[in-house]
PDB file of N, CA and C in Angstrom:
ATOM      1  N   MET A   1      31.159 -44.030   7.282  1.00  0.00           N
ATOM      2  CA  MET A   1      30.112 -43.028   7.393  1.00  0.00           C
ATOM      3  C   MET A   1      29.721 -42.549   6.007  1.00  0.00           C
ATOM      4  N   GLU A   2      28.441 -42.432   5.789  1.00  0.00           N
ATOM      5  CA  GLU A   2      27.925 -41.817   4.578  1.00  0.00           C
ATOM      6  C   GLU A   2      28.026 -40.309   4.778  1.00  0.00           C
ATOM      7  N   THR A   3      28.588 -39.607   3.821  1.00  0.00           N
ATOM      8  CA  THR A   3      28.860 -38.181   4.013  1.00  0.00           C
ATOM      9  C   THR A   3      27.602 -37.329   4.134  1.00  0.00           C
ATOM     10  N   ASP A   4      26.502 -37.750   3.529  1.00  0.00           N
ATOM     11  CA  ASP A   4      25.292 -36.936   3.581  1.00  0.00           C
ATOM     12  C   ASP A   4      24.211 -37.537   4.480  1.00  0.00           C
ATOM     13  N   CYS A   5      24.553 -38.522   5.280  1.00  0.00           N
ATOM     14  CA  CYS A   5      23.575 -39.197   6.134  1.00  0.00           C
ATOM     15  C   CYS A   5      23.407 -38.437   7.453  1.00  0.00           C
ATOM     16  N   ILE A   6      22.203 -37.949   7.688  1.00  0.00           N
ATOM     17  CA  ILE A   6      21.936 -37.173   8.900  1.00  0.00           C
ATOM     18  C   ILE A   6      22.137 -38.024  10.167  1.00  0.00           C
ATOM     19  N   PHE A   7      21.777 -39.305  10.118  1.00  0.00           N
ATOM     20  CA  PHE A   7      21.959 -40.145  11.307  1.00  0.00           C
ATOM     21  C   PHE A   7      23.430 -40.421  11.574  1.00  0.00           C
ATOM     22  N   CYS A   8      24.236 -40.584  10.544  1.00  0.00           N
ATOM     23  CA  CYS A   8      25.683 -40.731  10.750  1.00  0.00           C
ATOM     24  C   CYS A   8      26.241 -39.476  11.419  1.00  0.00           C
ATOM     25  N   LYS A   9      25.755 -38.319  11.016  1.00  0.00           N
ATOM     26  CA  LYS A   9      26.222 -37.057  11.608  1.00  0.00           C
ATOM     27  C   LYS A   9      25.798 -36.949  13.072  1.00  0.00           C
ATOM     28  N   ILE A  10      24.592 -37.393  13.398  1.00  0.00           N
ATOM     29  CA  ILE A  10      24.142 -37.394  14.801  1.00  0.00           C
ATOM     30  C   ILE A  10      24.988 -38.366  15.614  1.00  0.00           C
ATOM     31  N   VAL A  11      25.171 -39.578  15.094  1.00  0.00           N
ATOM     32  CA  VAL A  11      25.964 -40.605  15.783  1.00  0.00           C
ATOM     33  C   VAL A  11      27.378 -40.111  16.060  1.00  0.00           C
ATOM     34  N   ASN A  12      27.945 -39.368  15.123  1.00  0.00           N
ATOM     35  CA  ASN A  12      29.318 -38.875  15.262  1.00  0.00           C
ATOM     36  C   ASN A  12      29.413 -37.532  15.989  1.00  0.00           C
ATOM     37  N   GLY A  13      28.292 -37.012  16.487  1.00  0.00           N
ATOM     38  CA  GLY A  13      28.304 -35.771  17.251  1.00  0.00           C
ATOM     39  C   GLY A  13      28.404 -34.519  16.405  1.00  0.00           C
ATOM     40  N   GLU A  14      28.231 -34.627  15.108  1.00  0.00           N
ATOM     41  CA  GLU A  14      28.302 -33.455  14.223  1.00  0.00           C
ATOM     42  C   GLU A  14      27.014 -32.650  14.249  1.00  0.00           C
ATOM     43  N   ILE A  15      25.912 -33.283  14.585  1.00  0.00           N
ATOM     44  CA  ILE A  15      24.627 -32.608  14.744  1.00  0.00           C
ATOM     45  C   ILE A  15      24.182 -32.870  16.179  1.00  0.00           C
ATOM     46  N   PRO A  16      24.007 -31.803  16.953  1.00  0.00           N
ATOM     47  CA  PRO A  16      23.647 -32.009  18.357  1.00  0.00           C
ATOM     48  C   PRO A  16      22.206 -32.491  18.523  1.00  0.00           C
ATOM     49  N   THR A  17      22.013 -33.353  19.481  1.00  0.00           N
ATOM     50  CA  THR A  17      20.693 -33.819  19.877  1.00  0.00           C
ATOM     51  C   THR A  17      20.799 -34.353  21.302  1.00  0.00           C
ATOM     52  N   GLU A  18      19.679 -34.470  21.963  1.00  0.00           N
ATOM     53  CA  GLU A  18      19.660 -35.047  23.304  1.00  0.00           C
ATOM     54  C   GLU A  18      19.741 -36.568  23.177  1.00  0.00           C
ATOM     55  N   ILE A  19      20.840 -37.121  23.610  1.00  0.00           N
ATOM     56  CA  ILE A  19      21.042 -38.568  23.562  1.00  0.00           C
ATOM     57  C   ILE A  19      20.394 -39.178  24.806  1.00  0.00           C
ATOM     58  N   LEU A  20      19.467 -40.100  24.595  1.00  0.00           N
ATOM     59  CA  LEU A  20      18.798 -40.773  25.704  1.00  0.00           C
ATOM     60  C   LEU A  20      19.561 -42.003  26.164  1.00  0.00           C
ATOM     61  N   TYR A  21      20.307 -42.607  25.231  1.00  0.00           N
ATOM     62  CA  TYR A  21      21.083 -43.807  25.531  1.00  0.00           C
ATOM     63  C   TYR A  21      22.120 -43.959  24.433  1.00  0.00           C
ATOM     64  N   GLN A  22      23.285 -44.471  24.807  1.00  0.00           N
ATOM     65  CA  GLN A  22      24.274 -44.834  23.807  1.00  0.00           C
ATOM     66  C   GLN A  22      25.205 -45.885  24.357  1.00  0.00           C
ATOM     67  N   ASP A  23      25.699 -46.711  23.458  1.00  0.00           N
ATOM     68  CA  ASP A  23      26.717 -47.686  23.788  1.00  0.00           C
ATOM     69  C   ASP A  23      27.607 -47.834  22.559  1.00  0.00           C
ATOM     70  N   ASP A  24      28.414 -48.861  22.521  1.00  0.00           N
ATOM     71  CA  ASP A  24      29.344 -49.001  21.393  1.00  0.00           C
ATOM     72  C   ASP A  24      28.650 -49.397  20.094  1.00  0.00           C
ATOM     73  N   LYS A  25      27.370 -49.774  20.150  1.00  0.00           N
ATOM     74  CA  LYS A  25      26.647 -50.206  18.951  1.00  0.00           C
ATOM     75  C   LYS A  25      25.495 -49.291  18.549  1.00  0.00           C
ATOM     76  N   LEU A  26      24.894 -48.581  19.513  1.00  0.00           N
ATOM     77  CA  LEU A  26      23.663 -47.824  19.263  1.00  0.00           C
ATOM     78  C   LEU A  26      23.705 -46.421  19.837  1.00  0.00           C
ATOM     79  N   VAL A  27      22.889 -45.561  19.236  1.00  0.00           N
ATOM     80  CA  VAL A  27      22.594 -44.242  19.775  1.00  0.00           C
ATOM     81  C   VAL A  27      21.071 -44.096  19.739  1.00  0.00           C
ATOM     82  N   VAL A  28      20.500 -43.562  20.826  1.00  0.00           N
ATOM     83  CA  VAL A  28      19.049 -43.428  20.951  1.00  0.00           C
ATOM     84  C   VAL A  28      18.721 -41.970  21.243  1.00  0.00           C
ATOM     85  N   PHE A  29      17.759 -41.430  20.479  1.00  0.00           N
ATOM     86  CA  PHE A  29      17.363 -40.029  20.639  1.00  0.00           C
ATOM     87  C   PHE A  29      15.929 -39.843  20.185  1.00  0.00           C
ATOM     88  N   ARG A  30      15.341 -38.692  20.525  1.00  0.00           N
ATOM     89  CA  ARG A  30      13.951 -38.396  20.163  1.00  0.00           C
ATOM     90  C   ARG A  30      13.851 -38.013  18.686  1.00  0.00           C
ATOM     91  N   ASP A  31      12.748 -38.432  18.070  1.00  0.00           N
ATOM     92  CA  ASP A  31      12.463 -38.028  16.694  1.00  0.00           C
ATOM     93  C   ASP A  31      12.115 -36.543  16.689  1.00  0.00           C
ATOM     94  N   ILE A  32      12.666 -35.788  15.756  1.00  0.00           N
ATOM     95  CA  ILE A  32      12.385 -34.344  15.715  1.00  0.00           C
ATOM     96  C   ILE A  32      11.016 -34.045  15.101  1.00  0.00           C
ATOM     97  N   ASN A  33      10.392 -35.046  14.495  1.00  0.00           N
ATOM     98  CA  ASN A  33       9.059 -34.903  13.923  1.00  0.00           C
ATOM     99  C   ASN A  33       8.167 -36.013  14.500  1.00  0.00           C
ATOM    100  N   PRO A  34       7.853 -35.937  15.808  1.00  0.00           N
ATOM    101  CA  PRO A  34       7.174 -37.053  16.471  1.00  0.00           C
ATOM    102  C   PRO A  34       5.750 -37.279  15.969  1.00  0.00           C
ATOM    103  N   HIS A  35       5.371 -38.553  15.897  1.00  0.00           N
ATOM    104  CA  HIS A  35       4.019 -38.950  15.514  1.00  0.00           C
ATOM    105  C   HIS A  35       3.238 -39.488  16.708  1.00  0.00           C
ATOM    106  N   ALA A  36       3.777 -39.317  17.893  1.00  0.00           N
ATOM    107  CA  ALA A  36       3.140 -39.788  19.125  1.00  0.00           C
ATOM    108  C   ALA A  36       3.766 -39.027  20.288  1.00  0.00           C
ATOM    109  N   PRO A  37       3.140 -39.063  21.457  1.00  0.00           N
ATOM    110  CA  PRO A  37       3.737 -38.393  22.616  1.00  0.00           C
ATOM    111  C   PRO A  37       5.167 -38.868  22.910  1.00  0.00           C
ATOM    112  N   VAL A  38       5.426 -40.150  22.714  1.00  0.00           N
ATOM    113  CA  VAL A  38       6.778 -40.696  22.845  1.00  0.00           C
ATOM    114  C   VAL A  38       7.153 -41.243  21.473  1.00  0.00           C
ATOM    115  N   HIS A  39       8.176 -40.660  20.857  1.00  0.00           N
ATOM    116  CA  HIS A  39       8.648 -41.124  19.545  1.00  0.00           C
ATOM    117  C   HIS A  39      10.170 -41.037  19.562  1.00  0.00           C
ATOM    118  N   ILE A  40      10.775 -42.186  19.708  1.00  0.00           N
ATOM    119  CA  ILE A  40      12.224 -42.283  19.901  1.00  0.00           C
ATOM    120  C   ILE A  40      12.821 -43.126  18.786  1.00  0.00           C
ATOM    121  N   LEU A  41      14.023 -42.772  18.368  1.00  0.00           N
ATOM    122  CA  LEU A  41      14.735 -43.505  17.327  1.00  0.00           C
ATOM    123  C   LEU A  41      15.907 -44.262  17.933  1.00  0.00           C
ATOM    124  N   ILE A  42      16.037 -45.517  17.549  1.00  0.00           N
ATOM    125  CA  ILE A  42      17.125 -46.385  17.996  1.00  0.00           C
ATOM    126  C   ILE A  42      17.955 -46.680  16.758  1.00  0.00           C
ATOM    127  N   VAL A  43      19.188 -46.168  16.738  1.00  0.00           N
ATOM    128  CA  VAL A  43      19.994 -46.110  15.522  1.00  0.00           C
ATOM    129  C   VAL A  43      21.344 -46.803  15.723  1.00  0.00           C
ATOM    130  N   PRO A  44      21.694 -47.738  14.848  1.00  0.00           N
ATOM    131  CA  PRO A  44      23.034 -48.324  14.931  1.00  0.00           C
ATOM    132  C   PRO A  44      24.108 -47.283  14.623  1.00  0.00           C
ATOM    133  N   ARG A  45      25.227 -47.372  15.289  1.00  0.00           N
ATOM    134  CA  ARG A  45      26.354 -46.480  14.987  1.00  0.00           C
ATOM    135  C   ARG A  45      26.887 -46.736  13.575  1.00  0.00           C
ATOM    136  N   ARG A  46      26.937 -48.013  13.213  1.00  0.00           N
ATOM    137  CA  ARG A  46      27.441 -48.370  11.886  1.00  0.00           C
ATOM    138  C   ARG A  46      26.354 -48.102  10.857  1.00  0.00           C
ATOM    139  N   HIS A  47      26.734 -47.494   9.754  1.00  0.00           N
ATOM    140  CA  HIS A  47      25.765 -47.202   8.705  1.00  0.00           C
ATOM    141  C   HIS A  47      25.349 -48.487   8.005  1.00  0.00           C
ATOM    142  N   ILE A  48      24.080 -48.812   8.138  1.00  0.00           N
ATOM    143  CA  ILE A  48      23.431 -49.889   7.400  1.00  0.00           C
ATOM    144  C   ILE A  48      22.261 -49.197   6.716  1.00  0.00           C
ATOM    145  N   ARG A  49      22.173 -49.273   5.423  1.00  0.00           N
ATOM    146  CA  ARG A  49      21.210 -48.496   4.662  1.00  0.00           C
ATOM    147  C   ARG A  49      19.758 -48.816   5.025  1.00  0.00           C
ATOM    148  N   SER A  50      19.421 -50.100   5.140  1.00  0.00           N
ATOM    149  CA  SER A  50      18.031 -50.511   5.304  1.00  0.00           C
ATOM    150  C   SER A  50      17.990 -51.957   5.801  1.00  0.00           C
ATOM    151  N   ILE A  51      16.826 -52.398   6.219  1.00  0.00           N
ATOM    152  CA  ILE A  51      16.632 -53.818   6.560  1.00  0.00           C
ATOM    153  C   ILE A  51      17.100 -54.693   5.390  1.00  0.00           C
ATOM    154  N   ASN A  52      16.838 -54.260   4.175  1.00  0.00           N
ATOM    155  CA  ASN A  52      17.213 -55.041   2.989  1.00  0.00           C
ATOM    156  C   ASN A  52      18.718 -55.213   2.837  1.00  0.00           C
ATOM    157  N   ASP A  53      19.509 -54.434   3.539  1.00  0.00           N
ATOM    158  CA  ASP A  53      20.962 -54.504   3.447  1.00  0.00           C
ATOM    159  C   ASP A  53      21.594 -55.285   4.597  1.00  0.00           C
ATOM    160  N   LEU A  54      20.787 -55.860   5.471  1.00  0.00           N
ATOM    161  CA  LEU A  54      21.314 -56.652   6.579  1.00  0.00           C
ATOM    162  C   LEU A  54      21.982 -57.925   6.070  1.00  0.00           C
ATOM    163  N   THR A  55      23.001 -58.339   6.814  1.00  0.00           N
ATOM    164  CA  THR A  55      23.673 -59.602   6.522  1.00  0.00           C
ATOM    165  C   THR A  55      23.569 -60.493   7.758  1.00  0.00           C
ATOM    166  N   GLU A  56      24.014 -61.719   7.636  1.00  0.00           N
ATOM    167  CA  GLU A  56      24.010 -62.635   8.782  1.00  0.00           C
ATOM    168  C   GLU A  56      24.751 -62.046   9.979  1.00  0.00           C
ATOM    169  N   GLU A  57      25.800 -61.285   9.717  1.00  0.00           N
ATOM    170  CA  GLU A  57      26.589 -60.687  10.803  1.00  0.00           C
ATOM    171  C   GLU A  57      25.809 -59.621  11.571  1.00  0.00           C
ATOM    172  N   ASP A  58      24.682 -59.165  11.025  1.00  0.00           N
ATOM    173  CA  ASP A  58      23.895 -58.106  11.657  1.00  0.00           C
ATOM    174  C   ASP A  58      22.814 -58.633  12.602  1.00  0.00           C
ATOM    175  N   ARG A  59      22.712 -59.939  12.775  1.00  0.00           N
ATOM    176  CA  ARG A  59      21.687 -60.494  13.669  1.00  0.00           C
ATOM    177  C   ARG A  59      21.786 -59.893  15.071  1.00  0.00           C
ATOM    178  N   GLU A  60      22.997 -59.764  15.566  1.00  0.00           N
ATOM    179  CA  GLU A  60      23.193 -59.255  16.925  1.00  0.00           C
ATOM    180  C   GLU A  60      22.712 -57.814  17.066  1.00  0.00           C
ATOM    181  N   ILE A  61      22.941 -56.980  16.070  1.00  0.00           N
ATOM    182  CA  ILE A  61      22.546 -55.568  16.189  1.00  0.00           C
ATOM    183  C   ILE A  61      21.023 -55.443  16.236  1.00  0.00           C
ATOM    184  N   ILE A  62      20.317 -56.268  15.470  1.00  0.00           N
ATOM    185  CA  ILE A  62      18.852 -56.196  15.473  1.00  0.00           C
ATOM    186  C   ILE A  62      18.298 -56.633  16.830  1.00  0.00           C
ATOM    187  N   SER A  63      18.804 -57.716  17.372  1.00  0.00           N
ATOM    188  CA  SER A  63      18.318 -58.154  18.684  1.00  0.00           C
ATOM    189  C   SER A  63      18.690 -57.135  19.760  1.00  0.00           C
ATOM    190  N   HIS A  64      19.848 -56.516  19.638  1.00  0.00           N
ATOM    191  CA  HIS A  64      20.258 -55.490  20.598  1.00  0.00           C
ATOM    192  C   HIS A  64      19.328 -54.276  20.508  1.00  0.00           C
ATOM    193  N   MET A  65      18.964 -53.893  19.296  1.00  0.00           N
ATOM    194  CA  MET A  65      18.038 -52.767  19.116  1.00  0.00           C
ATOM    195  C   MET A  65      16.710 -53.048  19.814  1.00  0.00           C
ATOM    196  N   ILE A  66      16.204 -54.255  19.672  1.00  0.00           N
ATOM    197  CA  ILE A  66      14.927 -54.602  20.288  1.00  0.00           C
ATOM    198  C   ILE A  66      15.041 -54.617  21.818  1.00  0.00           C
ATOM    199  N   MET A  67      16.107 -55.183  22.343  1.00  0.00           N
ATOM    200  CA  MET A  67      16.281 -55.223  23.799  1.00  0.00           C
ATOM    201  C   MET A  67      16.470 -53.823  24.379  1.00  0.00           C
ATOM    202  N   VAL A  68      17.213 -52.974  23.691  1.00  0.00           N
ATOM    203  CA  VAL A  68      17.361 -51.583  24.148  1.00  0.00           C
ATOM    204  C   VAL A  68      16.014 -50.874  24.053  1.00  0.00           C
ATOM    205  N   GLY A  69      15.250 -51.138  22.989  1.00  0.00           N
ATOM    206  CA  GLY A  69      13.915 -50.554  22.862  1.00  0.00           C
ATOM    207  C   GLY A  69      13.036 -50.898  24.049  1.00  0.00           C
ATOM    208  N   LYS A  70      13.094 -52.137  24.472  1.00  0.00           N
ATOM    209  CA  LYS A  70      12.320 -52.577  25.641  1.00  0.00           C
ATOM    210  C   LYS A  70      12.711 -51.773  26.880  1.00  0.00           C
ATOM    211  N   GLU A  71      13.990 -51.560  27.090  1.00  0.00           N
ATOM    212  CA  GLU A  71      14.464 -50.792  28.254  1.00  0.00           C
ATOM    213  C   GLU A  71      14.102 -49.309  28.141  1.00  0.00           C
ATOM    214  N   ILE A  72      14.202 -48.750  26.947  1.00  0.00           N
ATOM    215  CA  ILE A  72      13.839 -47.337  26.754  1.00  0.00           C
ATOM    216  C   ILE A  72      12.338 -47.158  26.993  1.00  0.00           C
ATOM    217  N   ALA A  73      11.521 -48.112  26.553  1.00  0.00           N
ATOM    218  CA  ALA A  73      10.073 -48.043  26.811  1.00  0.00           C
ATOM    219  C   ALA A  73       9.811 -47.977  28.309  1.00  0.00           C
ATOM    220  N   LYS A  74      10.555 -48.764  29.071  1.00  0.00           N
ATOM    221  CA  LYS A  74      10.409 -48.731  30.529  1.00  0.00           C
ATOM    222  C   LYS A  74      10.856 -47.372  31.079  1.00  0.00           C
ATOM    223  N   ASP A  75      11.989 -46.871  30.601  1.00  0.00           N
ATOM    224  CA  ASP A  75      12.488 -45.565  31.046  1.00  0.00           C
ATOM    225  C   ASP A  75      11.503 -44.433  30.736  1.00  0.00           C
ATOM    226  N   GLN A  76      10.783 -44.572  29.625  1.00  0.00           N
ATOM    227  CA  GLN A  76       9.832 -43.539  29.193  1.00  0.00           C
ATOM    228  C   GLN A  76       8.424 -43.782  29.745  1.00  0.00           C
ATOM    229  N   SER A  77       8.280 -44.815  30.586  1.00  0.00           N
ATOM    230  CA  SER A  77       7.016 -45.161  31.256  1.00  0.00           C
ATOM    231  C   SER A  77       5.892 -45.507  30.280  1.00  0.00           C
ATOM    232  N   VAL A  78       6.247 -46.160  29.170  1.00  0.00           N
ATOM    233  CA  VAL A  78       5.214 -46.629  28.245  1.00  0.00           C
ATOM    234  C   VAL A  78       5.173 -48.157  28.172  1.00  0.00           C
ATOM    235  N   ASN A  79       6.012 -48.807  28.969  1.00  0.00           N
ATOM    236  CA  ASN A  79       6.079 -50.271  28.909  1.00  0.00           C
ATOM    237  C   ASN A  79       4.759 -50.928  29.326  1.00  0.00           C
ATOM    238  N   SER A  80       4.051 -50.368  30.275  1.00  0.00           N
ATOM    239  CA  SER A  80       2.784 -50.961  30.713  1.00  0.00           C
ATOM    240  C   SER A  80       1.608 -50.527  29.855  1.00  0.00           C
ATOM    241  N   SER A  81       1.602 -49.272  29.437  1.00  0.00           N
ATOM    242  CA  SER A  81       0.479 -48.764  28.640  1.00  0.00           C
ATOM    243  C   SER A  81       0.526 -49.267  27.204  1.00  0.00           C
ATOM    244  N   GLY A  82       1.726 -49.567  26.705  1.00  0.00           N
ATOM    245  CA  GLY A  82       1.870 -50.115  25.363  1.00  0.00           C
ATOM    246  C   GLY A  82       2.665 -49.202  24.447  1.00  0.00           C
ATOM    247  N   TYR A  83       3.326 -49.817  23.487  1.00  0.00           N
ATOM    248  CA  TYR A  83       4.157 -49.094  22.530  1.00  0.00           C
ATOM    249  C   TYR A  83       4.364 -49.946  21.294  1.00  0.00           C
ATOM    250  N   LYS A  84       4.907 -49.314  20.259  1.00  0.00           N
ATOM    251  CA  LYS A  84       5.229 -50.007  19.017  1.00  0.00           C
ATOM    252  C   LYS A  84       6.727 -49.914  18.775  1.00  0.00           C
ATOM    253  N   LEU A  85       7.298 -50.980  18.232  1.00  0.00           N
ATOM    254  CA  LEU A  85       8.658 -50.968  17.707  1.00  0.00           C
ATOM    255  C   LEU A  85       8.504 -51.179  16.210  1.00  0.00           C
ATOM    256  N   LEU A  86       9.040 -50.259  15.413  1.00  0.00           N
ATOM    257  CA  LEU A  86       8.720 -50.244  13.998  1.00  0.00           C
ATOM    258  C   LEU A  86       9.941 -49.951  13.137  1.00  0.00           C
ATOM    259  N   PHE A  87      10.110 -50.740  12.093  1.00  0.00           N
ATOM    260  CA  PHE A  87      11.093 -50.465  11.045  1.00  0.00           C
ATOM    261  C   PHE A  87      10.322 -50.100   9.777  1.00  0.00           C
ATOM    262  N   ASN A  88      10.642 -48.982   9.152  1.00  0.00           N
ATOM    263  CA  ASN A  88      10.145 -48.655   7.820  1.00  0.00           C
ATOM    264  C   ASN A  88      11.209 -49.131   6.843  1.00  0.00           C
ATOM    265  N   VAL A  89      10.794 -49.807   5.773  1.00  0.00           N
ATOM    266  CA  VAL A  89      11.750 -50.385   4.837  1.00  0.00           C
ATOM    267  C   VAL A  89      11.490 -49.856   3.428  1.00  0.00           C
ATOM    268  N   GLU A  90      12.463 -49.138   2.908  1.00  0.00           N
ATOM    269  CA  GLU A  90      12.424 -48.544   1.564  1.00  0.00           C
ATOM    270  C   GLU A  90      11.316 -47.492   1.475  1.00  0.00           C
ATOM    271  N   ARG A  91      11.354 -46.720   0.415  1.00  0.00           N
ATOM    272  CA  ARG A  91      10.410 -45.601   0.265  1.00  0.00           C
ATOM    273  C   ARG A  91       8.951 -46.044   0.341  1.00  0.00           C
ATOM    274  N   GLY A  92       8.619 -47.149  -0.316  1.00  0.00           N
ATOM    275  CA  GLY A  92       7.247 -47.635  -0.310  1.00  0.00           C
ATOM    276  C   GLY A  92       6.776 -48.067   1.066  1.00  0.00           C
ATOM    277  N   GLY A  93       7.719 -48.365   1.957  1.00  0.00           N
ATOM    278  CA  GLY A  93       7.400 -48.739   3.333  1.00  0.00           C
ATOM    279  C   GLY A  93       7.529 -47.584   4.300  1.00  0.00           C
ATOM    280  N   GLY A  94       7.748 -46.380   3.777  1.00  0.00           N
ATOM    281  CA  GLY A  94       7.812 -45.193   4.615  1.00  0.00           C
ATOM    282  C   GLY A  94       9.196 -44.778   5.064  1.00  0.00           C
ATOM    283  N   GLN A  95      10.252 -45.474   4.617  1.00  0.00           N
ATOM    284  CA  GLN A  95      11.605 -45.080   5.022  1.00  0.00           C
ATOM    285  C   GLN A  95      11.978 -43.782   4.328  1.00  0.00           C
ATOM    286  N   VAL A  96      12.392 -42.795   5.113  1.00  0.00           N
ATOM    287  CA  VAL A  96      12.762 -41.484   4.595  1.00  0.00           C
ATOM    288  C   VAL A  96      14.269 -41.271   4.721  1.00  0.00           C
ATOM    289  N   ILE A  97      14.844 -41.722   5.837  1.00  0.00           N
ATOM    290  CA  ILE A  97      16.286 -41.619   6.058  1.00  0.00           C
ATOM    291  C   ILE A  97      16.871 -43.000   5.860  1.00  0.00           C
ATOM    292  N   PHE A  98      17.825 -43.095   4.946  1.00  0.00           N
ATOM    293  CA  PHE A  98      18.368 -44.396   4.577  1.00  0.00           C
ATOM    294  C   PHE A  98      19.604 -44.730   5.400  1.00  0.00           C
ATOM    295  N   HIS A  99      19.341 -44.876   6.700  1.00  0.00           N
ATOM    296  CA  HIS A  99      20.256 -45.395   7.714  1.00  0.00           C
ATOM    297  C   HIS A  99      19.324 -46.187   8.615  1.00  0.00           C
ATOM    298  N   LEU A 100      19.548 -47.476   8.718  1.00  0.00           N
ATOM    299  CA  LEU A 100      18.673 -48.333   9.510  1.00  0.00           C
ATOM    300  C   LEU A 100      18.353 -47.690  10.855  1.00  0.00           C
ATOM    301  N   HIS A 101      17.086 -47.707  11.222  1.00  0.00           N
ATOM    302  CA  HIS A 101      16.660 -47.209  12.527  1.00  0.00           C
ATOM    303  C   HIS A 101      15.324 -47.832  12.886  1.00  0.00           C
ATOM    304  N   MET A 102      15.100 -47.942  14.183  1.00  0.00           N
ATOM    305  CA  MET A 102      13.857 -48.485  14.697  1.00  0.00           C
ATOM    306  C   MET A 102      13.146 -47.392  15.486  1.00  0.00           C
ATOM    307  N   HIS A 103      11.862 -47.245  15.236  1.00  0.00           N
ATOM    308  CA  HIS A 103      11.037 -46.282  15.961  1.00  0.00           C
ATOM    309  C   HIS A 103      10.440 -46.956  17.192  1.00  0.00           C
ATOM    310  N   LEU A 104      10.474 -46.271  18.308  1.00  0.00           N
ATOM    311  CA  LEU A 104       9.733 -46.647  19.506  1.00  0.00           C
ATOM    312  C   LEU A 104       8.652 -45.584  19.640  1.00  0.00           C
ATOM    313  N   ILE A 105       7.393 -46.005  19.514  1.00  0.00           N
ATOM    314  CA  ILE A 105       6.275 -45.059  19.473  1.00  0.00           C
ATOM    315  C   ILE A 105       5.258 -45.472  20.531  1.00  0.00           C
ATOM    316  N   GLY A 106       4.804 -44.512  21.336  1.00  0.00           N
ATOM    317  CA  GLY A 106       3.803 -44.811  22.359  1.00  0.00           C
ATOM    318  C   GLY A 106       3.397 -43.556  23.105  1.00  0.00           C
ATOM    319  N   GLY A 107       2.769 -43.773  24.241  1.00  0.00           N
ATOM    320  CA  GLY A 107       2.391 -42.666  25.109  1.00  0.00           C
ATOM    321  C   GLY A 107       0.998 -42.117  24.872  1.00  0.00           C
ATOM    322  N   TRP A 108       0.205 -42.812  24.065  1.00  0.00           N
ATOM    323  CA  TRP A 108      -1.167 -42.348  23.852  1.00  0.00           C
ATOM    324  C   TRP A 108      -1.973 -42.569  25.109  1.00  0.00           C
ATOM    325  N   LYS A 109      -2.912 -41.689  25.356  1.00  0.00           N
ATOM    326  CA  LYS A 109      -3.777 -41.833  26.539  1.00  0.00           C
ATOM    327  C   LYS A 109      -4.778 -42.958  26.301  1.00  0.00           C
ATOM    328  N   LYS A 110      -5.067 -43.676  27.367  1.00  0.00           N
ATOM    329  CA  LYS A 110      -6.064 -44.747  27.301  1.00  0.00           C
ATOM    330  C   LYS A 110      -7.450 -44.135  27.133  1.00  0.00           C
ATOM    331  N   LYS A 111      -8.290 -44.825  26.376  1.00  0.00           N
ATOM    332  CA  LYS A 111      -9.663 -44.318  26.170  1.00  0.00           C
ATOM    333  C   LYS A 111     -10.639 -45.132  26.968  1.00  0.00           C
TER     334      LYS A 111
END
């Protein structure tokens, strides 16, 4: 665990949040600064700084994140209307918290 990582603290229960899903590899919760009606974060339990820090051994965690994202989209009723799965990578790519996480964003009304 990184001592100053907010996501490590959430994963370890040091900072309370509403957990939407968790297993031995991931914790899923709502973004506290949402950019859409549905804005959920899918976070590995193990601290991985960024996409740039992934190794071959991390292939399984990335595919698991995507599959869980698909199920959470269904649970949040955005699977049919549409959603985004997004990784921000490094500061120039919009990453603010340096603990790998995937955004599930959706819920906009159809026009």
